[in-house]
């Protein structure tokens, strides 16, 4: 890699892998959540992640690149943490929900960093369509993160106490 375009393309590949891994973890977490609004939001989030993955594929296609996802080690670690602290834990009820929210938000924050970086690269490269698509994805990710913070603060954390 020697150019910003190279970095941008690698970021898109990495995000594609990260999204693929996150979608699987989020789907599993949705089935373990005890709170219906949490489970519903996680199911919707999984659908959103899938849409973002398709959008990333379209950006790679538009750039004339093969969709050859680089395995994202960062998300691999976050998924492993989600497995350890939520999916394979002995936690139950509101305490499990709080653990799920925490792990989901960690993955979201990683996604925010990646999508934000890709957007900045696209903007610098004059890729206006990509910039807009990545910005819309970021808005959705931020919204999902805010929902989880609100749910934790006004409900699940209080019940977990």
N, C-alpha and C. Protein backbone atom coordinates (compact mmCIF):
# COMPACT_ATOMS: atom_id res chain seq x y z
N UNK A 1 0.84 -1.18 0.00
CA UNK A 1 0.00 0.00 0.00
C UNK A 1 0.88 1.24 0.00
N UNK A 2 0.50 2.15 -0.87
CA UNK A 2 1.31 3.36 -0.95
C UNK A 2 0.49 4.63 -1.15
N UNK A 3 -0.83 4.48 -1.30
CA UNK A 3 -1.66 5.67 -1.55
C UNK A 3 -2.87 5.68 -0.62
N UNK A 4 -3.50 6.84 -0.54
CA UNK A 4 -4.73 6.96 0.24
C UNK A 4 -5.81 6.04 -0.34
N UNK A 5 -5.84 5.92 -1.65
CA UNK A 5 -6.82 5.02 -2.28
C UNK A 5 -6.59 3.59 -1.82
N UNK A 6 -5.32 3.17 -1.71
CA UNK A 6 -5.02 1.83 -1.21
C UNK A 6 -5.55 1.66 0.22
N UNK A 7 -5.33 2.66 1.06
CA UNK A 7 -5.81 2.60 2.44
C UNK A 7 -7.34 2.55 2.49
N UNK A 8 -7.97 3.34 1.64
CA UNK A 8 -9.43 3.36 1.57
C UNK A 8 -9.96 1.99 1.18
N UNK A 9 -9.39 1.40 0.17
CA UNK A 9 -9.84 0.09 -0.29
C UNK A 9 -9.63 -0.97 0.79
N UNK A 10 -8.52 -0.90 1.48
CA UNK A 10 -8.27 -1.87 2.56
C UNK A 10 -9.28 -1.67 3.69
N UNK A 11 -9.59 -0.42 3.98
CA UNK A 11 -10.57 -0.13 5.04
C UNK A 11 -11.93 -0.71 4.68
N UNK A 12 -12.34 -0.59 3.43
CA UNK A 12 -13.62 -1.17 3.00
C UNK A 12 -13.61 -2.69 3.15
N UNK A 13 -12.51 -3.33 2.77
CA UNK A 13 -12.39 -4.78 2.90
C UNK A 13 -12.47 -5.19 4.38
N UNK A 14 -11.77 -4.45 5.22
CA UNK A 14 -11.74 -4.74 6.65
C UNK A 14 -13.14 -4.57 7.26
N UNK A 15 -13.82 -3.50 6.86
CA UNK A 15 -15.17 -3.26 7.36
C UNK A 15 -16.13 -4.36 6.94
N UNK A 16 -15.94 -4.86 5.74
CA UNK A 16 -16.81 -5.94 5.27
C UNK A 16 -16.64 -7.16 6.17
N UNK A 17 -15.42 -7.50 6.49
CA UNK A 17 -15.17 -8.62 7.39
C UNK A 17 -15.72 -8.34 8.78
N UNK A 18 -15.48 -7.14 9.29
CA UNK A 18 -15.95 -6.79 10.62
C UNK A 18 -17.48 -6.90 10.69
N UNK A 19 -18.15 -6.39 9.68
CA UNK A 19 -19.61 -6.46 9.66
C UNK A 19 -20.11 -7.89 9.63
N UNK A 20 -19.47 -8.72 8.82
CA UNK A 20 -19.85 -10.12 8.72
C UNK A 20 -19.75 -10.80 10.08
N UNK A 21 -18.66 -10.57 10.78
CA UNK A 21 -18.48 -11.16 12.09
C UNK A 21 -19.47 -10.61 13.12
N UNK A 22 -19.67 -9.29 13.08
CA UNK A 22 -20.57 -8.66 14.03
C UNK A 22 -22.01 -9.13 13.84
N UNK A 23 -22.43 -9.27 12.60
CA UNK A 23 -23.81 -9.69 12.33
C UNK A 23 -24.10 -11.04 12.97
N UNK A 24 -23.16 -11.95 12.89
CA UNK A 24 -23.37 -13.28 13.48
C UNK A 24 -23.47 -13.19 15.00
N UNK A 25 -22.62 -12.39 15.61
CA UNK A 25 -22.65 -12.24 17.07
C UNK A 25 -23.93 -11.55 17.53
N UNK A 26 -24.35 -10.52 16.81
CA UNK A 26 -25.55 -9.78 17.19
C UNK A 26 -26.78 -10.67 17.08
N UNK A 27 -26.82 -11.50 16.06
CA UNK A 27 -27.94 -12.43 15.90
C UNK A 27 -28.03 -13.36 17.11
N UNK A 28 -26.90 -13.88 17.54
CA UNK A 28 -26.88 -14.78 18.71
C UNK A 28 -27.29 -14.02 19.98
N UNK A 29 -26.81 -12.79 20.12
CA UNK A 29 -27.16 -12.02 21.31
C UNK A 29 -28.66 -11.71 21.35
N UNK A 30 -29.26 -11.49 20.19
CA UNK A 30 -30.69 -11.17 20.17
C UNK A 30 -31.52 -12.32 20.73
N UNK A 31 -31.08 -13.54 20.51
CA UNK A 31 -31.83 -14.69 21.01
C UNK A 31 -31.63 -14.93 22.50
N UNK A 32 -30.60 -14.33 23.08
CA UNK A 32 -30.33 -14.50 24.52
C UNK A 32 -30.90 -13.36 25.37
N UNK A 33 -31.24 -12.25 24.75
CA UNK A 33 -31.74 -11.09 25.50
C UNK A 33 -33.07 -11.43 26.16
N UNK A 34 -33.23 -10.98 27.41
CA UNK A 34 -34.50 -11.24 28.10
C UNK A 34 -35.50 -10.10 27.87
N UNK A 35 -35.01 -8.90 27.59
CA UNK A 35 -35.87 -7.75 27.36
C UNK A 35 -36.30 -7.71 25.90
N UNK A 36 -37.62 -7.65 25.67
CA UNK A 36 -38.13 -7.70 24.30
C UNK A 36 -37.63 -6.53 23.45
N UNK A 37 -37.59 -5.33 24.01
CA UNK A 37 -37.14 -4.18 23.21
C UNK A 37 -35.66 -4.33 22.83
N UNK A 38 -34.87 -4.92 23.72
CA UNK A 38 -33.46 -5.19 23.40
C UNK A 38 -33.35 -6.23 22.30
N UNK A 39 -34.09 -7.32 22.44
CA UNK A 39 -34.05 -8.38 21.43
C UNK A 39 -34.50 -7.84 20.07
N UNK A 40 -35.57 -7.06 20.06
CA UNK A 40 -36.07 -6.48 18.80
C UNK A 40 -35.04 -5.55 18.17
N UNK A 41 -34.42 -4.70 19.00
CA UNK A 41 -33.42 -3.76 18.48
C UNK A 41 -32.22 -4.51 17.92
N UNK A 42 -31.81 -5.57 18.57
CA UNK A 42 -30.67 -6.36 18.07
C UNK A 42 -31.02 -7.03 16.74
N UNK A 43 -32.25 -7.51 16.61
CA UNK A 43 -32.66 -8.11 15.33
C UNK A 43 -32.65 -7.07 14.22
N UNK A 44 -33.15 -5.87 14.51
CA UNK A 44 -33.13 -4.79 13.53
C UNK A 44 -31.69 -4.37 13.22
N UNK A 45 -30.86 -4.35 14.25
CA UNK A 45 -29.46 -3.98 14.06
C UNK A 45 -28.77 -5.00 13.15
N UNK A 46 -29.08 -6.26 13.33
CA UNK A 46 -28.49 -7.30 12.47
C UNK A 46 -28.88 -7.05 11.02
N UNK A 47 -30.14 -6.70 10.79
CA UNK A 47 -30.58 -6.38 9.42
C UNK A 47 -29.84 -5.15 8.89
N UNK A 48 -29.65 -4.15 9.74
CA UNK A 48 -28.90 -2.95 9.35
C UNK A 48 -27.45 -3.26 9.03
N UNK A 49 -26.84 -4.11 9.83
CA UNK A 49 -25.46 -4.52 9.57
C UNK A 49 -25.37 -5.21 8.21
N UNK A 50 -26.34 -6.07 7.93
CA UNK A 50 -26.37 -6.75 6.63
C UNK A 50 -26.48 -5.75 5.48
N UNK A 51 -27.30 -4.72 5.66
CA UNK A 51 -27.44 -3.69 4.62
C UNK A 51 -26.14 -2.92 4.45
N UNK A 52 -25.48 -2.63 5.56
CA UNK A 52 -24.18 -1.93 5.48
C UNK A 52 -23.15 -2.80 4.76
N UNK A 53 -23.21 -4.09 5.00
CA UNK A 53 -22.28 -5.01 4.34
C UNK A 53 -22.52 -5.00 2.83
N UNK A 54 -23.78 -4.99 2.42
CA UNK A 54 -24.10 -4.92 0.99
C UNK A 54 -23.63 -3.59 0.40
N UNK A 55 -23.80 -2.51 1.15
CA UNK A 55 -23.34 -1.20 0.70
C UNK A 55 -21.83 -1.21 0.51
N UNK A 56 -21.11 -1.81 1.45
CA UNK A 56 -19.65 -1.90 1.32
C UNK A 56 -19.27 -2.69 0.08
N UNK A 57 -19.99 -3.77 -0.17
CA UNK A 57 -19.74 -4.58 -1.37
C UNK A 57 -19.96 -3.74 -2.62
N UNK A 58 -21.02 -2.92 -2.61
CA UNK A 58 -21.29 -2.08 -3.79
C UNK A 58 -20.19 -1.04 -3.98
N UNK A 59 -19.64 -0.51 -2.89
CA UNK A 59 -18.53 0.45 -3.01
C UNK A 59 -17.28 -0.23 -3.56
N UNK A 60 -17.03 -1.43 -3.13
CA UNK A 60 -15.89 -2.19 -3.66
C UNK A 60 -16.09 -2.49 -5.14
N UNK A 61 -17.31 -2.90 -5.49
CA UNK A 61 -17.62 -3.16 -6.90
C UNK A 61 -17.44 -1.90 -7.74
N UNK A 62 -17.94 -0.76 -7.23
CA UNK A 62 -17.84 0.51 -7.95
C UNK A 62 -16.39 0.93 -8.15
N UNK A 63 -15.53 0.54 -7.21
CA UNK A 63 -14.10 0.87 -7.31
C UNK A 63 -13.36 -0.13 -8.19
N UNK A 64 -14.11 -1.12 -8.73
CA UNK A 64 -13.49 -2.12 -9.58
C UNK A 64 -12.65 -3.13 -8.83
N UNK A 65 -12.97 -3.31 -7.56
CA UNK A 65 -12.20 -4.24 -6.74
C UNK A 65 -12.95 -5.54 -6.54
N UNK A 66 -12.21 -6.60 -6.41
CA UNK A 66 -12.82 -7.86 -6.04
C UNK A 66 -13.23 -7.76 -4.58
N UNK A 67 -14.34 -8.36 -4.28
CA UNK A 67 -14.76 -8.41 -2.88
C UNK A 67 -13.98 -9.54 -2.25
N UNK A 68 -12.91 -9.16 -1.57
CA UNK A 68 -12.00 -10.12 -0.97
C UNK A 68 -11.73 -9.63 0.44
N UNK A 69 -12.66 -9.97 1.32
CA UNK A 69 -12.55 -9.38 2.65
C UNK A 69 -11.31 -9.86 3.38
N UNK A 70 -10.62 -8.89 3.88
CA UNK A 70 -9.48 -9.10 4.77
C UNK A 70 -10.08 -9.46 6.12
N UNK A 71 -9.60 -10.54 6.74
CA UNK A 71 -10.17 -10.92 8.03
C UNK A 71 -9.82 -9.86 9.07
N UNK A 72 -10.84 -9.30 9.68
CA UNK A 72 -10.67 -8.22 10.65
C UNK A 72 -10.37 -8.80 12.02
N UNK A 73 -9.13 -8.68 12.43
CA UNK A 73 -8.69 -9.20 13.73
C UNK A 73 -9.29 -8.39 14.88
N UNK A 74 -9.48 -7.09 14.67
CA UNK A 74 -10.07 -6.26 15.71
C UNK A 74 -11.46 -6.73 16.08
N UNK A 75 -12.32 -6.94 15.08
CA UNK A 75 -13.67 -7.41 15.37
C UNK A 75 -13.65 -8.84 15.88
N UNK A 76 -12.70 -9.62 15.41
CA UNK A 76 -12.57 -10.99 15.92
C UNK A 76 -12.40 -10.96 17.44
N UNK A 77 -11.56 -10.06 17.92
CA UNK A 77 -11.35 -9.94 19.37
C UNK A 77 -12.60 -9.47 20.09
N UNK A 78 -13.30 -8.51 19.50
CA UNK A 78 -14.53 -8.01 20.12
C UNK A 78 -15.62 -9.09 20.17
N UNK A 79 -15.71 -9.88 19.11
CA UNK A 79 -16.69 -10.97 19.09
C UNK A 79 -16.33 -12.02 20.14
N UNK A 80 -15.05 -12.29 20.28
CA UNK A 80 -14.60 -13.24 21.31
C UNK A 80 -14.96 -12.73 22.71
N UNK A 81 -14.79 -11.43 22.93
CA UNK A 81 -15.18 -10.83 24.21
C UNK A 81 -16.69 -10.94 24.42
N UNK A 82 -17.47 -10.72 23.37
CA UNK A 82 -18.93 -10.85 23.47
C UNK A 82 -19.31 -12.28 23.81
N UNK A 83 -18.62 -13.21 23.20
CA UNK A 83 -18.89 -14.63 23.48
C UNK A 83 -18.58 -14.91 24.96
N UNK A 84 -17.43 -14.46 25.42
CA UNK A 84 -16.99 -14.73 26.80
C UNK A 84 -17.90 -14.06 27.83
N UNK A 85 -18.23 -12.79 27.62
CA UNK A 85 -18.95 -12.03 28.63
C UNK A 85 -20.47 -12.08 28.51
N UNK A 86 -20.98 -12.53 27.39
CA UNK A 86 -22.44 -12.54 27.22
C UNK A 86 -22.95 -13.87 26.69
N UNK A 87 -22.47 -14.29 25.55
CA UNK A 87 -23.05 -15.46 24.89
C UNK A 87 -22.80 -16.76 25.64
N UNK A 88 -21.60 -16.96 26.15
CA UNK A 88 -21.27 -18.21 26.83
C UNK A 88 -21.22 -18.06 28.34
N UNK A 89 -21.78 -16.98 28.85
CA UNK A 89 -21.74 -16.73 30.30
C UNK A 89 -22.92 -17.41 30.98
N UNK A 90 -22.87 -17.41 32.28
CA UNK A 90 -23.97 -17.95 33.09
C UNK A 90 -24.92 -16.84 33.55
N UNK A 91 -24.73 -15.65 33.04
CA UNK A 91 -25.58 -14.53 33.42
C UNK A 91 -27.00 -14.75 32.92
N UNK A 92 -27.95 -14.12 33.63
CA UNK A 92 -29.36 -14.24 33.26
C UNK A 92 -30.06 -12.90 33.43
N UNK A 93 -31.23 -12.79 32.82
CA UNK A 93 -32.11 -11.65 33.01
C UNK A 93 -31.47 -10.31 32.69
N UNK A 94 -31.74 -9.33 33.55
CA UNK A 94 -31.27 -7.97 33.30
C UNK A 94 -29.75 -7.88 33.31
N UNK A 95 -29.08 -8.69 34.13
CA UNK A 95 -27.62 -8.66 34.17
C UNK A 95 -27.05 -9.13 32.83
N UNK A 96 -27.64 -10.16 32.26
CA UNK A 96 -27.23 -10.61 30.93
C UNK A 96 -27.51 -9.53 29.89
N UNK A 97 -28.66 -8.89 29.99
CA UNK A 97 -28.99 -7.81 29.05
C UNK A 97 -27.96 -6.69 29.11
N UNK A 98 -27.54 -6.33 30.32
CA UNK A 98 -26.53 -5.29 30.48
C UNK A 98 -25.22 -5.72 29.82
N UNK A 99 -24.84 -6.98 30.00
CA UNK A 99 -23.61 -7.49 29.37
C UNK A 99 -23.74 -7.47 27.86
N UNK A 100 -24.90 -7.84 27.35
CA UNK A 100 -25.14 -7.82 25.90
C UNK A 100 -25.02 -6.39 25.37
N UNK A 101 -25.65 -5.46 26.05
CA UNK A 101 -25.59 -4.06 25.62
C UNK A 101 -24.14 -3.58 25.59
N UNK A 102 -23.40 -3.88 26.63
CA UNK A 102 -22.00 -3.44 26.70
C UNK A 102 -21.18 -4.01 25.55
N UNK A 103 -21.36 -5.28 25.26
CA UNK A 103 -20.59 -5.91 24.18
C UNK A 103 -21.02 -5.38 22.82
N UNK A 104 -22.33 -5.19 22.65
CA UNK A 104 -22.84 -4.62 21.40
C UNK A 104 -22.25 -3.23 21.17
N UNK A 105 -22.24 -2.41 22.23
CA UNK A 105 -21.72 -1.06 22.07
C UNK A 105 -20.23 -1.06 21.76
N UNK A 106 -19.48 -1.97 22.32
CA UNK A 106 -18.06 -2.05 21.98
C UNK A 106 -17.88 -2.32 20.48
N UNK A 107 -18.69 -3.24 19.98
CA UNK A 107 -18.60 -3.54 18.55
C UNK A 107 -19.05 -2.34 17.71
N UNK A 108 -20.10 -1.65 18.16
CA UNK A 108 -20.57 -0.46 17.45
C UNK A 108 -19.49 0.62 17.40
N UNK A 109 -18.83 0.83 18.51
CA UNK A 109 -17.80 1.87 18.56
C UNK A 109 -16.64 1.55 17.63
N UNK A 110 -16.32 0.28 17.51
CA UNK A 110 -15.30 -0.14 16.55
C UNK A 110 -15.79 0.17 15.13
N UNK A 111 -17.07 -0.12 14.87
CA UNK A 111 -17.66 0.18 13.57
C UNK A 111 -17.68 1.67 13.27
N UNK A 112 -17.98 2.48 14.29
CA UNK A 112 -17.98 3.94 14.10
C UNK A 112 -16.59 4.41 13.66
N UNK A 113 -15.58 3.88 14.29
CA UNK A 113 -14.21 4.27 13.94
C UNK A 113 -13.90 3.87 12.50
N UNK A 114 -14.26 2.66 12.12
CA UNK A 114 -13.98 2.19 10.77
C UNK A 114 -14.77 2.92 9.70
N UNK A 115 -16.07 3.07 9.93
CA UNK A 115 -16.90 3.78 8.95
C UNK A 115 -16.51 5.25 8.87
N UNK A 116 -16.17 5.85 10.01
CA UNK A 116 -15.72 7.24 10.01
C UNK A 116 -14.43 7.42 9.24
N UNK A 117 -13.51 6.49 9.41
CA UNK A 117 -12.24 6.53 8.68
C UNK A 117 -12.48 6.37 7.19
N UNK A 118 -13.30 5.38 6.82
CA UNK A 118 -13.59 5.16 5.40
C UNK A 118 -14.27 6.39 4.79
N UNK A 119 -15.18 7.00 5.54
CA UNK A 119 -15.85 8.21 5.05
C UNK A 119 -14.85 9.34 4.82
N UNK A 120 -13.94 9.53 5.77
CA UNK A 120 -12.93 10.59 5.63
C UNK A 120 -12.04 10.33 4.42
N UNK A 121 -11.66 9.07 4.22
CA UNK A 121 -10.85 8.74 3.05
C UNK A 121 -11.63 8.99 1.76
N UNK A 122 -12.89 8.56 1.72
CA UNK A 122 -13.72 8.75 0.53
C UNK A 122 -13.89 10.24 0.22
N UNK A 123 -14.10 11.01 1.26
CA UNK A 123 -14.26 12.46 1.09
C UNK A 123 -12.99 13.07 0.51
N UNK A 124 -11.84 12.70 1.06
CA UNK A 124 -10.56 13.23 0.57
C UNK A 124 -10.30 12.82 -0.87
N UNK A 125 -10.79 11.64 -1.25
CA UNK A 125 -10.58 11.13 -2.62
C UNK A 125 -11.62 11.67 -3.60
N UNK A 126 -12.57 12.47 -3.11
CA UNK A 126 -13.59 13.02 -3.99
C UNK A 126 -14.67 12.01 -4.37
N UNK A 127 -14.81 10.97 -3.58
CA UNK A 127 -15.82 9.93 -3.82
C UNK A 127 -17.11 10.35 -3.12
N UNK A 128 -17.85 11.26 -3.77
CA UNK A 128 -19.03 11.86 -3.14
C UNK A 128 -20.12 10.85 -2.83
N UNK A 129 -20.41 9.93 -3.75
CA UNK A 129 -21.44 8.92 -3.53
C UNK A 129 -21.07 8.04 -2.34
N UNK A 130 -19.83 7.59 -2.31
CA UNK A 130 -19.36 6.76 -1.20
C UNK A 130 -19.41 7.52 0.11
N UNK A 131 -19.02 8.79 0.09
CA UNK A 131 -19.05 9.61 1.30
C UNK A 131 -20.46 9.67 1.86
N UNK A 132 -21.44 9.90 0.99
CA UNK A 132 -22.84 9.99 1.43
C UNK A 132 -23.33 8.66 1.99
N UNK A 133 -23.01 7.57 1.32
CA UNK A 133 -23.44 6.24 1.79
C UNK A 133 -22.81 5.90 3.13
N UNK A 134 -21.54 6.18 3.27
CA UNK A 134 -20.86 5.90 4.53
C UNK A 134 -21.39 6.79 5.66
N UNK A 135 -21.73 8.03 5.32
CA UNK A 135 -22.29 8.94 6.32
C UNK A 135 -23.65 8.45 6.80
N UNK A 136 -24.49 7.97 5.88
CA UNK A 136 -25.80 7.43 6.27
C UNK A 136 -25.62 6.21 7.18
N UNK A 137 -24.66 5.36 6.85
CA UNK A 137 -24.40 4.19 7.70
C UNK A 137 -23.96 4.63 9.10
N UNK A 138 -23.08 5.63 9.15
CA UNK A 138 -22.64 6.15 10.45
C UNK A 138 -23.81 6.66 11.27
N UNK A 139 -24.73 7.38 10.63
CA UNK A 139 -25.90 7.89 11.34
C UNK A 139 -26.69 6.75 11.97
N UNK A 140 -26.86 5.67 11.24
CA UNK A 140 -27.61 4.51 11.75
C UNK A 140 -26.87 3.88 12.93
N UNK A 141 -25.55 3.76 12.82
CA UNK A 141 -24.77 3.15 13.89
C UNK A 141 -24.84 4.01 15.15
N UNK A 142 -24.68 5.33 14.98
CA UNK A 142 -24.79 6.24 16.13
C UNK A 142 -26.17 6.14 16.77
N UNK A 143 -27.21 6.06 15.96
CA UNK A 143 -28.57 5.95 16.49
C UNK A 143 -28.78 4.68 17.28
N UNK A 144 -28.24 3.59 16.78
CA UNK A 144 -28.36 2.32 17.49
C UNK A 144 -27.61 2.36 18.81
N UNK A 145 -26.44 2.96 18.80
CA UNK A 145 -25.65 3.10 20.02
C UNK A 145 -26.40 3.95 21.06
N UNK A 146 -27.01 5.04 20.61
CA UNK A 146 -27.77 5.90 21.52
C UNK A 146 -28.96 5.17 22.12
N UNK A 147 -29.65 4.37 21.30
CA UNK A 147 -30.77 3.58 21.79
C UNK A 147 -30.30 2.67 22.91
N UNK A 148 -29.17 2.00 22.69
CA UNK A 148 -28.66 1.06 23.69
C UNK A 148 -28.27 1.79 24.98
N UNK A 149 -27.67 2.96 24.86
CA UNK A 149 -27.32 3.73 26.06
C UNK A 149 -28.58 4.10 26.84
N UNK A 150 -29.60 4.58 26.12
CA UNK A 150 -30.85 4.95 26.77
C UNK A 150 -31.51 3.75 27.45
N UNK A 151 -31.56 2.63 26.76
CA UNK A 151 -32.18 1.43 27.32
C UNK A 151 -31.43 0.98 28.58
N UNK A 152 -30.12 1.00 28.51
CA UNK A 152 -29.32 0.60 29.68
C UNK A 152 -29.56 1.55 30.85
N UNK A 153 -29.50 2.84 30.58
CA UNK A 153 -29.57 3.83 31.66
C UNK A 153 -30.95 3.94 32.30
N UNK A 154 -32.01 3.78 31.51
CA UNK A 154 -33.34 3.98 32.08
C UNK A 154 -34.04 2.68 32.46
N UNK A 155 -33.44 1.52 32.13
CA UNK A 155 -34.13 0.28 32.40
C UNK A 155 -33.21 -0.85 32.87
N UNK A 156 -32.40 -1.35 31.96
CA UNK A 156 -31.68 -2.59 32.23
C UNK A 156 -30.66 -2.46 33.37
N UNK A 157 -29.90 -1.38 33.41
CA UNK A 157 -28.93 -1.19 34.50
C UNK A 157 -29.65 -1.13 35.85
N UNK A 158 -30.77 -0.41 35.89
CA UNK A 158 -31.52 -0.26 37.14
C UNK A 158 -32.06 -1.59 37.60
N UNK A 159 -32.58 -2.37 36.69
CA UNK A 159 -33.12 -3.68 37.06
C UNK A 159 -32.01 -4.64 37.44
N UNK A 160 -30.85 -4.50 36.82
CA UNK A 160 -29.72 -5.39 37.10
C UNK A 160 -29.17 -5.19 38.51
N UNK A 161 -29.34 -3.97 39.03
CA UNK A 161 -28.84 -3.67 40.38
C UNK A 161 -29.55 -4.58 41.37
